[in-house]
Each structure stands twice: as C-alpha cells, then as structure tokens.
Amino acid sequence: MAELYVGLISGTSADGIDAALVEFEPAAHIVAAKTVPFPVEFRAELLQFMAGTYRGDPVDQLLHLDRLLGEQFAAAAEGLLASAGVEARTVRAVGSHGQTLRHRPPHSTLQVADPNIISARLGVPVVADLRRMDIAVGGQGAPLVPAFHHAAFGSSTEDRAIVNIGGIANVTLLAADSSISGGDVGPGNALLDAWCSANTGAAIDDGGALAARGAVDVALLARLRSDPFFGLPLPKSTGRELFNRAWLERALIPGTAVADVQATLAELTATVIADSLRPAQPARVLVCGGGTHNRHLMARLTQLLSPVPVTSTATLGLDPDFVEAAAFAWLARETLAGRPGNAPAATGARRAVVLGGRYGPP
C-alpha cells in the first residue's frame, strides 16, 4: 500500500492554503491537491499584522492568528482528503509550513498555524516549525525546497535549475554531480500583485496582461535594482519585510503610468532570476509557483535565458502550483525518518540537519 503524506503551506502572498496529498515511491506523485483561499476579511487582518500596522495587543493577536490558521490548515487538509476519498488514518503524517509572519534571517523566523490543532482534528502526526533549526545552525531558514527539488527533479546527465516564483522568487541549481545550491533572488509575485490590486482592484495581473500593455521604465528599474540585496551572493533569503509597497513607493516618481510600473516590476523579477542563473549555465530551467501563470513573465524569462529551454515542472510530472506543498509533505517524511531536510549550500547553514518538530500521536 502506498505511503501517503499531506503537505500544507501558505506562502509569502498570504492568499490561501495550498494542500497536496503525495506519495513518494517509486517517485514523487501528487495524488490530489487543492487551494483554499483565505476569507477576504481574514486575509486583510493577516496582512495588517504582517505589515506591522495592527494597533491592538500584538501577543493576543499572534495567539489569535495562530489558532485561526491552525483551524484553517486543518480544514484544508480535511477537505483535501474528503475530495480524494482518503481516510485521515491512512496518512502517515502532515508536513505543515504554516504562515510566515516574520522572516529576519539570519537571526529569526516565525511561522504560525498551530500544529496541535491540525493533529488533533486529523488524528495523525504533524511535522511543523521547519525553518528554525536551519537558522539555529547558521542558515537563513530559507529556501527549504531545494533538497526536495533535487529528489524530484535532479538529473545525473545534465545541470538543471528550478525556479519557484511565489511571492518571493527563489532558484535551485541542481548539478549533474548531485551538488545543490541556490537561494532567494528577489520579489516574485508579491509586488506585482500588490501594485495590480492597489491600482486596478484585481487581486492579480491575470496572465500578465497589464504588464504586457506597459513599457519598462528603465530609470525606475535601475532604482529598484540598486537595492543592496541584489548585490549579495547566494545563499540569501528575503520576504515582505523588505519587498513591500513602501519599498516600491520610495522608488516611484508620481505620474508613472500604472501599466508601465507593472511592466517594470515584471522585468525586475525576470532579470534578477535570469542574472542568478546565467553563471551556472543550466541545460534546462523548470519553473513552478504562481508565476507560471503569468504569460508575460514566462515569455520574458524565455527570452532572457534563450537558448536554454524554460518550461514548467509539469513537463516532469509535478503540477507547478503544488510543488511547494509537495515539498513540505516530503520534509515531513524526511523528519520522521531522521534524515536532514535542508540543503546547506542553499540556506547557508553550517551543516545538514533534521528539521522541525513532531506534534501529535506517535
């Protein structure tokens, strides 16, 4: 009988929970998956707290969000299993990333969504708090997906690069000799979504249509790219703490056309990704995350990296929307087996370590 794991994550965009039911033998296979959007009012409350603009007692609000997110993560897992016709008792474990509220590498990071609630409702072990052990041994705590990328997409015959475009963009470099490196490279969808939402009312730039109508503002792009983060070598990590609306507003000149700003933000994402990959000269580039649906962004990546082929991870059998969720299911599997889950060359950790804590039944 197949050994099943569930992976749960809400990413930097904080727009909802990705849930995946995964088996890993003989190879990673997503049995079922779904995305559960956050209720509009709850997401607004969450983003307010993440932005540091919540005016009440921060400890009470932290406890409140931890509990509510735990309940929503549990409900997402229950809904996934029900839609797949799978009983919770047949699941070996849940790997829950939770929701990042603060990421301050190399000193601290905080993800919440009470794993005790998830375990109590499903009756299975939950592996959570997966980032802080990497930080404890000198790492950035992110990105944690590269080790899974190697397991799922590594090749002994060619060098490959995996690009995850979520709220933040990160890259994994997979050499044919099995070495792994990478890190966060800059904003992915976070600024694109924020600008689009603030100026059009639409949550996302569907297909990149708004960016495609605009023209890149070369001077604005240069100002954005002057941020010291882009000059740091890999490995490195970042988040909303740096790349947010206030960061963008400081570089804007009033009156710049909405579509031109969107085109410039897309170009920023595309160029920082491409620049991070060129030195490695991978034979192919595989893209996952919400950015795969932005046709304009994917076209710019393809042009910038030509003649290297750029495709989604679907070409190797994994839905690009759920690669991260599958990665956290895999990390739960590795933790229960007592195997390290981080890739030190991608996080900067001094050594490979077993990640996270186990909650619930043995």
Protein backbone atom coordinates (compact mmCIF):
# COMPACT_ATOMS: atom_id res chain seq x y z
CA MET A 1 0.00 0.00 0.00
CA ALA A 2 1.26 3.50 -0.88
CA GLU A 3 2.52 5.64 2.00
CA LEU A 4 0.70 8.96 1.85
CA TYR A 5 1.71 12.36 3.21
CA VAL A 6 -0.05 15.71 3.21
CA GLY A 7 1.78 18.99 2.64
CA LEU A 8 0.28 22.35 3.66
CA ILE A 9 1.62 25.85 3.02
CA SER A 10 0.54 29.45 2.81
CA GLY A 11 3.27 31.40 1.09
CA THR A 12 4.51 34.98 1.06
CA SER A 13 1.45 36.14 -0.87
CA ALA A 14 -0.73 35.01 2.08
CA ASP A 15 -3.68 34.42 -0.23
CA GLY A 16 -4.64 30.94 0.92
CA ILE A 17 -3.54 27.40 1.69
CA ASP A 18 -2.06 25.01 -0.85
CA ALA A 19 -2.72 21.41 0.18
CA ALA A 20 -1.29 18.34 -1.53
CA LEU A 21 -1.67 14.62 -0.91
CA VAL A 22 1.56 13.00 -2.04
CA GLU A 23 3.24 9.61 -2.34
CA PHE A 24 6.97 9.31 -2.93
CA GLU A 25 7.60 5.76 -4.11
CA PRO A 26 8.80 4.99 -6.69
CA ALA A 27 8.82 8.75 -7.43
CA ALA A 28 7.09 11.88 -6.14
CA HIS A 29 3.48 11.85 -7.28
CA ILE A 30 0.73 14.29 -6.33
CA VAL A 31 -2.36 12.15 -5.73
CA ALA A 32 -4.67 15.11 -5.11
CA ALA A 33 -4.31 18.82 -4.48
CA LYS A 34 -6.37 21.92 -3.89
CA THR A 35 -6.00 25.56 -2.97
CA VAL A 36 -8.24 27.02 -0.26
CA PRO A 37 -8.36 30.83 -0.43
CA PHE A 38 -8.44 32.76 2.83
CA PRO A 39 -11.67 34.64 3.56
CA VAL A 40 -11.27 38.25 2.41
CA GLU A 41 -11.64 39.81 5.86
CA PHE A 42 -9.27 37.32 7.47
CA ARG A 43 -6.62 37.91 4.80
CA ALA A 44 -6.87 41.66 5.37
CA GLU A 45 -6.39 41.10 9.11
CA LEU A 46 -3.43 38.80 8.45
CA LEU A 47 -1.73 41.23 6.06
CA GLN A 48 -2.23 44.08 8.50
CA PHE A 49 -0.44 42.15 11.22
CA MET A 50 2.33 41.08 8.84
CA ALA A 51 2.83 44.71 7.81
CA GLY A 52 3.20 45.80 11.43
CA THR A 53 0.18 48.13 11.31
CA TYR A 54 -2.06 46.22 13.76
CA ARG A 55 -2.90 48.55 16.66
CA GLY A 56 -4.04 46.09 19.34
CA ASP A 57 -2.10 43.85 21.72
CA PRO A 58 0.41 42.07 19.43
CA VAL A 59 0.74 38.99 21.65
CA ASP A 60 -3.05 38.49 21.81
CA GLN A 61 -3.25 38.94 18.04
CA LEU A 62 -0.41 36.48 17.48
CA LEU A 63 -2.23 33.86 19.56
CA HIS A 64 -5.47 34.61 17.72
CA LEU A 65 -3.85 34.17 14.29
CA ASP A 66 -2.01 31.01 15.36
CA ARG A 67 -5.30 29.41 16.44
CA LEU A 68 -7.35 30.54 13.44
CA LEU A 69 -4.66 29.50 10.98
CA GLY A 70 -4.38 26.11 12.71
CA GLU A 71 -8.11 25.62 12.25
CA GLN A 72 -7.99 26.71 8.61
CA PHE A 73 -5.00 24.49 7.84
CA ALA A 74 -6.78 21.54 9.47
CA ALA A 75 -9.93 22.25 7.47
CA ALA A 76 -7.90 22.45 4.25
CA ALA A 77 -6.37 19.03 4.94
CA GLU A 78 -9.77 17.56 5.82
CA GLY A 79 -11.28 18.95 2.63
CA LEU A 80 -8.43 17.61 0.54
CA LEU A 81 -8.76 14.11 1.97
CA ALA A 82 -12.54 14.12 1.61
CA SER A 83 -12.35 15.16 -2.04
CA ALA A 84 -9.76 12.43 -2.68
CA GLY A 85 -11.84 9.79 -0.85
CA VAL A 86 -8.94 9.09 1.52
CA GLU A 87 -9.36 8.49 5.26
CA ALA A 88 -7.08 10.50 7.50
CA ARG A 89 -5.94 7.38 9.35
CA THR A 90 -4.23 6.17 6.16
CA VAL A 91 -1.99 9.26 6.07
CA ARG A 92 1.47 8.76 7.57
CA ALA A 93 1.95 12.43 8.51
CA VAL A 94 1.24 16.04 7.63
CA GLY A 95 4.02 18.50 6.86
CA SER A 96 2.77 22.00 7.70
CA HIS A 97 4.78 25.07 6.79
CA GLY A 98 2.21 27.38 8.34
CA GLN A 99 2.15 31.10 7.53
CA THR A 100 5.27 33.21 7.85
CA LEU A 101 4.59 36.29 9.96
CA ARG A 102 8.20 37.49 10.18
CA HIS A 103 11.39 36.43 8.46
CA ARG A 104 14.51 38.09 9.84
CA PRO A 105 17.47 35.99 8.72
CA PRO A 106 19.97 35.05 9.94
CA HIS A 107 18.55 35.57 13.43
CA SER A 108 14.90 34.54 13.47
CA THR A 109 11.83 33.47 11.55
CA LEU A 110 8.27 32.80 12.68
CA GLN A 111 5.62 30.60 11.06
CA VAL A 112 2.24 30.01 12.74
CA ALA A 113 -0.78 27.69 12.31
CA ASP A 114 -0.98 25.65 15.50
CA PRO A 115 0.11 22.10 14.53
CA ASN A 116 -1.57 20.72 17.65
CA ILE A 117 -4.96 21.70 16.23
CA ILE A 118 -4.15 20.08 12.88
CA SER A 119 -3.03 16.85 14.57
CA ALA A 120 -6.00 16.75 16.96
CA ARG A 121 -8.51 17.13 14.13
CA LEU A 122 -6.88 14.64 11.76
CA GLY A 123 -5.54 12.19 14.34
CA VAL A 124 -2.16 11.91 12.60
CA PRO A 125 1.35 13.24 13.36
CA VAL A 126 2.15 16.75 12.14
CA VAL A 127 5.68 17.98 11.43
CA ALA A 128 5.93 21.77 11.72
CA ASP A 129 8.25 24.64 12.70
CA LEU A 130 10.50 23.51 9.88
CA ARG A 131 12.67 26.61 9.40
CA ARG A 132 14.17 27.45 12.78
CA MET A 133 16.56 24.52 13.10
CA ASP A 134 18.28 25.65 9.91
CA ILE A 135 18.66 29.12 11.44
CA ALA A 136 19.97 27.54 14.65
CA VAL A 137 22.93 26.13 12.69
CA GLY A 138 23.71 29.39 10.92
CA GLY A 139 21.34 29.20 7.95
CA GLN A 140 18.78 31.60 6.57
CA GLY A 141 15.89 29.20 7.22
CA ALA A 142 15.02 29.55 3.54
CA PRO A 143 14.60 28.36 0.93
CA LEU A 144 13.81 24.84 2.18
CA VAL A 145 12.59 23.41 -1.12
CA PRO A 146 15.99 22.77 -2.80
CA ALA A 147 16.54 19.35 -1.20
CA PHE A 148 13.13 18.26 -2.47
CA HIS A 149 13.89 19.76 -5.88
CA HIS A 150 16.94 17.51 -6.02
CA ALA A 151 14.90 14.44 -5.07
CA ALA A 152 12.14 15.21 -7.58
CA PHE A 153 13.96 16.87 -10.49
CA GLY A 154 17.67 16.08 -10.20
CA SER A 155 19.49 14.51 -13.14
CA SER A 156 22.79 12.67 -13.38
CA THR A 157 23.22 13.66 -17.03
CA GLU A 158 22.59 17.42 -17.07
CA ASP A 159 22.66 20.51 -14.88
CA ARG A 160 19.19 21.88 -14.17
CA ALA A 161 17.71 24.95 -12.49
CA ILE A 162 14.39 25.08 -10.68
CA VAL A 163 12.77 28.50 -10.32
CA ASN A 164 9.97 28.97 -7.83
CA ILE A 165 8.02 32.18 -8.42
CA GLY A 166 5.77 32.69 -5.44
CA GLY A 167 5.54 35.95 -3.54
CA ILE A 168 9.34 35.81 -3.50
CA ALA A 169 11.37 34.23 -6.32
CA ASN A 170 13.97 31.61 -5.46
CA VAL A 171 16.25 29.42 -7.52
CA THR A 172 17.71 25.96 -7.02
CA LEU A 173 20.76 24.92 -9.02
CA LEU A 174 20.96 21.15 -9.46
CA ALA A 175 24.29 19.98 -10.85
CA ALA A 176 24.67 16.61 -12.53
CA ASP A 177 27.20 15.70 -9.82
CA SER A 178 24.32 15.93 -7.25
CA SER A 179 25.50 19.20 -5.68
CA ILE A 180 22.76 21.68 -4.74
CA SER A 181 22.89 25.45 -4.37
CA GLY A 182 20.53 28.38 -4.60
CA GLY A 183 18.56 30.89 -2.57
CA ASP A 184 16.04 33.72 -2.80
CA VAL A 185 16.82 36.20 -5.56
CA GLY A 186 14.16 38.90 -5.12
CA PRO A 187 10.47 39.67 -5.46
CA GLY A 188 8.29 37.26 -7.39
CA ASN A 189 4.56 37.92 -7.42
CA ALA A 190 4.35 39.96 -4.21
CA LEU A 191 4.97 43.39 -5.74
CA LEU A 192 3.16 42.54 -8.98
CA ASP A 193 0.05 41.55 -7.03
CA ALA A 194 0.24 44.50 -4.64
CA TRP A 195 0.56 47.07 -7.42
CA CYS A 196 -2.17 45.48 -9.52
CA SER A 197 -4.56 45.24 -6.58
CA ALA A 198 -3.99 48.82 -5.45
CA ASN A 199 -4.43 50.30 -8.93
CA THR A 200 -6.96 48.06 -10.68
CA GLY A 201 -8.86 46.30 -7.90
CA ALA A 202 -7.91 42.91 -9.36
CA ALA A 203 -6.02 40.60 -6.98
CA ILE A 204 -3.55 39.55 -9.68
CA ASP A 205 -2.42 40.62 -13.14
CA ASP A 206 -4.20 37.79 -14.96
CA GLY A 207 -1.77 36.29 -17.44
CA GLY A 208 0.43 39.37 -17.17
CA ALA A 209 -1.94 41.33 -19.43
CA LEU A 210 -1.42 44.63 -17.59
CA ALA A 211 2.37 44.31 -17.72
CA ALA A 212 2.21 43.40 -21.41
CA ARG A 213 0.39 46.68 -22.15
CA GLY A 214 3.06 48.74 -20.45
CA ALA A 215 6.62 49.73 -21.27
CA VAL A 216 9.57 49.11 -18.96
CA ASP A 217 10.66 52.31 -17.22
CA VAL A 218 14.42 51.87 -17.45
CA ALA A 219 15.19 54.53 -14.83
CA LEU A 220 12.72 53.01 -12.36
CA LEU A 221 14.15 49.55 -12.98
CA ALA A 222 17.64 50.86 -12.24
CA ARG A 223 16.47 52.44 -8.98
CA LEU A 224 14.81 49.21 -7.89
CA ARG A 225 17.83 47.13 -8.84
CA SER A 226 20.13 49.40 -6.83
CA ASP A 227 18.89 47.81 -3.60
CA PRO A 228 21.86 46.19 -1.82
CA PHE A 229 20.02 42.86 -1.56
CA PHE A 230 20.54 42.21 -5.27
CA GLY A 231 24.30 42.52 -4.90
CA LEU A 232 24.52 39.90 -2.15
CA PRO A 233 25.83 36.49 -3.20
CA LEU A 234 23.78 33.32 -2.84
CA PRO A 235 22.71 31.87 -0.49
CA LYS A 236 20.38 34.57 0.80
CA SER A 237 16.72 34.93 1.69
CA THR A 238 14.16 37.69 1.93
CA GLY A 239 10.45 38.40 2.27
CA ARG A 240 7.75 41.04 2.69
CA GLU A 241 9.90 42.68 5.36
CA LEU A 242 11.98 44.13 2.50
CA PHE A 243 9.99 43.85 -0.72
CA ASN A 244 6.71 45.60 0.02
CA ARG A 245 4.64 48.56 -1.17
CA ALA A 246 6.66 51.06 0.87
CA TRP A 247 9.88 49.81 -0.77
CA LEU A 248 8.32 50.31 -4.21
CA GLU A 249 6.83 53.71 -3.39
CA ARG A 250 10.22 55.09 -2.40
CA ALA A 251 11.48 54.49 -5.94
CA LEU A 252 8.40 55.75 -7.81
CA ILE A 253 8.04 59.12 -9.48
CA PRO A 254 4.43 60.35 -9.24
CA GLY A 255 2.54 60.12 -12.50
CA THR A 256 4.23 56.99 -13.84
CA ALA A 257 1.63 55.02 -15.81
CA VAL A 258 0.14 52.07 -13.94
CA ALA A 259 0.89 49.64 -16.79
CA ASP A 260 4.47 50.88 -17.05
CA VAL A 261 5.09 50.23 -13.36
CA GLN A 262 3.64 46.74 -13.75
CA ALA A 263 5.85 46.07 -16.77
CA THR A 264 8.88 47.29 -14.82
CA LEU A 265 8.08 45.06 -11.84
CA ALA A 266 7.75 42.06 -14.16
CA GLU A 267 11.09 42.97 -15.72
CA LEU A 268 12.65 43.25 -12.26
CA THR A 269 11.54 39.71 -11.40
CA ALA A 270 12.61 38.31 -14.77
CA THR A 271 16.02 39.95 -14.81
CA VAL A 272 17.05 39.05 -11.24
CA ILE A 273 16.09 35.42 -11.92
CA ALA A 274 17.93 35.32 -15.23
CA ASP A 275 21.03 37.00 -13.80
CA SER A 276 21.18 34.43 -10.99
CA LEU A 277 21.06 31.52 -13.45
CA ARG A 278 23.46 32.61 -16.18
CA PRO A 279 26.70 31.81 -14.33
CA ALA A 280 25.55 28.21 -13.75
CA GLN A 281 24.62 27.68 -17.43
CA PRO A 282 21.94 25.03 -16.75
CA ALA A 283 20.84 22.79 -19.59
CA ARG A 284 17.19 23.45 -18.74
CA VAL A 285 15.11 25.65 -16.47
CA LEU A 286 11.93 24.38 -14.80
CA VAL A 287 9.52 26.89 -13.26
CA CYS A 288 6.93 26.36 -10.54
CA GLY A 289 4.71 28.58 -8.39
CA GLY A 290 2.02 31.08 -9.27
CA GLY A 291 4.35 32.92 -11.63
CA THR A 292 3.97 30.13 -14.18
CA HIS A 293 0.50 31.55 -14.97
CA ASN A 294 1.92 34.97 -15.84
CA ARG A 295 2.44 34.53 -19.57
CA HIS A 296 4.24 37.86 -19.93
CA LEU A 297 6.71 36.97 -17.18
CA MET A 298 7.31 33.50 -18.59
CA ALA A 299 7.89 34.98 -22.05
CA ARG A 300 10.46 37.43 -20.69
CA LEU A 301 12.27 34.63 -18.84
CA THR A 302 12.32 32.56 -22.01
CA GLN A 303 13.77 35.47 -23.99
CA LEU A 304 16.37 36.38 -21.38
CA LEU A 305 17.58 32.79 -20.96
CA SER A 306 17.48 31.74 -24.62
CA PRO A 307 18.58 29.27 -25.95
CA VAL A 308 18.14 27.38 -22.65
CA PRO A 309 14.63 25.86 -22.63
CA VAL A 310 12.27 27.26 -19.99
CA THR A 311 9.23 25.14 -19.11
CA SER A 312 7.05 24.45 -16.09
CA THR A 313 7.64 21.50 -13.77
CA ALA A 314 4.56 19.91 -15.32
CA THR A 315 6.87 18.63 -18.07
CA LEU A 316 8.44 16.37 -15.44
CA GLY A 317 5.12 15.34 -13.93
CA LEU A 318 4.57 17.73 -10.99
CA ASP A 319 1.88 20.41 -11.06
CA PRO A 320 3.73 23.75 -10.69
CA ASP A 321 1.03 25.08 -8.38
CA PHE A 322 1.69 22.42 -5.75
CA VAL A 323 5.44 21.77 -5.84
CA GLU A 324 5.94 23.68 -2.57
CA ALA A 325 3.10 21.83 -0.83
CA ALA A 326 4.60 18.54 -2.04
CA ALA A 327 7.98 19.70 -0.71
CA PHE A 328 6.61 20.11 2.81
CA ALA A 329 5.00 16.69 2.64
CA TRP A 330 8.45 15.37 1.67
CA LEU A 331 10.10 17.28 4.52
CA ALA A 332 7.69 15.61 6.97
CA ARG A 333 8.75 12.25 5.57
CA GLU A 334 12.42 13.08 5.95
CA THR A 335 11.97 14.33 9.51
CA LEU A 336 10.11 11.21 10.63
CA ALA A 337 12.86 9.10 9.07
CA GLY A 338 15.53 11.10 10.93
CA ARG A 339 17.05 12.44 7.70
CA PRO A 340 18.20 16.05 7.13
CA GLY A 341 15.85 18.22 5.07
CA ASN A 342 17.89 21.35 4.40
CA ALA A 343 20.44 21.97 1.67
CA PRO A 344 23.24 23.96 3.37
CA ALA A 345 24.54 25.44 0.11
CA ALA A 346 21.10 26.95 -0.48
CA THR A 347 20.43 28.23 3.06
CA GLY A 348 23.94 28.95 4.31
CA ALA A 349 23.66 26.52 7.22
CA ARG A 350 26.86 25.09 8.66
CA ARG A 351 25.57 21.55 8.23
CA ALA A 352 22.61 19.46 7.15
CA VAL A 353 20.09 18.91 9.96
CA VAL A 354 16.79 17.19 10.65
CA LEU A 355 14.13 19.90 10.52
CA GLY A 356 11.08 20.73 12.61
CA GLY A 357 9.21 19.20 15.49
CA ARG A 358 6.69 16.37 15.64
CA TYR A 359 3.25 17.01 17.13
CA GLY A 360 0.52 14.55 17.98
CA PRO A 361 0.39 10.75 18.06
CA PRO A 362 3.45 8.53 17.51
